Protein backbone atom coordinates (compact mmCIF):
# COMPACT_ATOMS: atom_id res chain seq x y z
CA MET A 1 0.00 0.00 0.00
CA LEU A 2 1.27 3.42 -0.93
CA VAL A 3 0.90 5.90 1.96
CA LEU A 4 1.00 9.63 1.20
CA SER A 5 0.81 12.73 3.37
CA ARG A 6 -1.38 15.53 2.07
CA GLN A 7 -2.71 18.77 3.50
CA ARG A 8 -6.01 20.50 2.89
CA ASP A 9 -6.52 21.46 -0.78
CA GLU A 10 -3.73 19.14 -1.93
CA SER A 11 -4.45 16.31 -4.36
CA ILE A 12 -3.18 13.05 -5.74
CA ILE A 13 -3.71 11.80 -9.29
CA ILE A 14 -4.36 8.15 -10.16
CA ALA A 15 -4.00 6.86 -13.73
CA ASP A 16 -4.24 10.30 -15.39
CA ASN A 17 -8.02 10.53 -14.90
CA ILE A 18 -8.78 10.21 -11.18
CA LYS A 19 -8.10 13.13 -8.86
CA ILE A 20 -8.49 12.85 -5.09
CA THR A 21 -8.40 16.12 -3.16
CA ILE A 22 -8.28 16.68 0.60
CA VAL A 23 -11.28 18.97 1.06
CA ASP A 24 -11.35 19.31 4.85
CA ILE A 25 -9.74 17.91 7.99
CA ARG A 26 -11.60 18.05 11.30
CA GLY A 27 -10.21 16.08 14.20
CA ASP A 28 -9.94 12.46 13.10
CA LYS A 29 -12.16 12.95 10.01
CA VAL A 30 -10.88 13.74 6.53
CA ARG A 31 -13.22 14.83 3.72
CA LEU A 32 -12.14 13.74 0.27
CA GLY A 33 -13.25 15.06 -3.07
CA ILE A 34 -13.01 12.48 -5.85
CA ASP A 35 -13.10 13.46 -9.49
CA ALA A 36 -13.34 10.35 -11.68
CA PRO A 37 -14.96 9.41 -14.98
CA LYS A 38 -18.59 8.30 -14.64
CA GLU A 39 -17.75 4.80 -15.89
CA ILE A 40 -15.49 4.22 -12.87
CA PRO A 41 -17.58 3.38 -9.80
CA VAL A 42 -16.48 5.05 -6.56
CA HIS A 43 -17.90 3.76 -3.26
CA ARG A 44 -17.11 3.91 0.42
CA GLN A 45 -15.76 0.52 1.58
CA GLU A 46 -18.91 -0.36 3.57
CA VAL A 47 -21.12 0.41 0.56
CA PHE A 48 -18.89 -1.63 -1.75
CA ASP A 49 -19.01 -4.58 0.68
CA ALA A 50 -22.83 -4.40 0.83
CA ILE A 51 -23.04 -4.35 -2.98
CA GLN A 52 -20.73 -7.37 -3.17
CA ARG A 53 -22.82 -9.29 -0.62
CA GLU A 54 -26.01 -8.48 -2.54
CA ASN A 55 -24.44 -9.56 -5.83
CA ASP A 56 -23.19 -12.80 -4.26
CA HIS A 57 -26.67 -13.46 -2.86
CA GLU A 58 -28.35 -12.80 -6.23
CA ASN A 59 -25.84 -14.99 -8.05
CA ALA A 60 -26.42 -17.83 -5.60
CA GLU A 61 -30.20 -17.61 -6.12
CA ALA A 62 -29.86 -17.42 -9.91
CA ALA A 63 -27.43 -20.32 -10.19
CA PRO A 64 -29.05 -23.37 -11.75
CA ALA A 65 -29.43 -26.42 -9.57
CA PRO A 66 -26.82 -29.07 -10.25
CA PRO A 67 -28.13 -31.88 -12.42
CA GLU A 68 -29.42 -34.90 -10.60
CA GLU A 69 -27.25 -37.94 -10.93
CA THR A 70 -28.71 -40.97 -12.57
CA VAL A 71 -27.37 -44.26 -11.33
CA VAL A 72 -27.57 -47.07 -13.83
CA GLN A 73 -27.12 -50.54 -12.44
CA GLU A 74 -26.21 -53.34 -14.76
């Protein structure tokens, strides 16, 4: 993990098209401004985790049941 120090109104650039700016610092809270193309989803970690859980749940429900085995005795 890359760790950077930034002050208010300073930014970092990721991959030429994502800009993250420190908007405000109050106590132990930091407000970030994120400028990214619309096709790149940006979520807080807890929101991303909830989306992943929902997608996993939907995929499990939509998965076809495994075929039943047929036993042939000779």
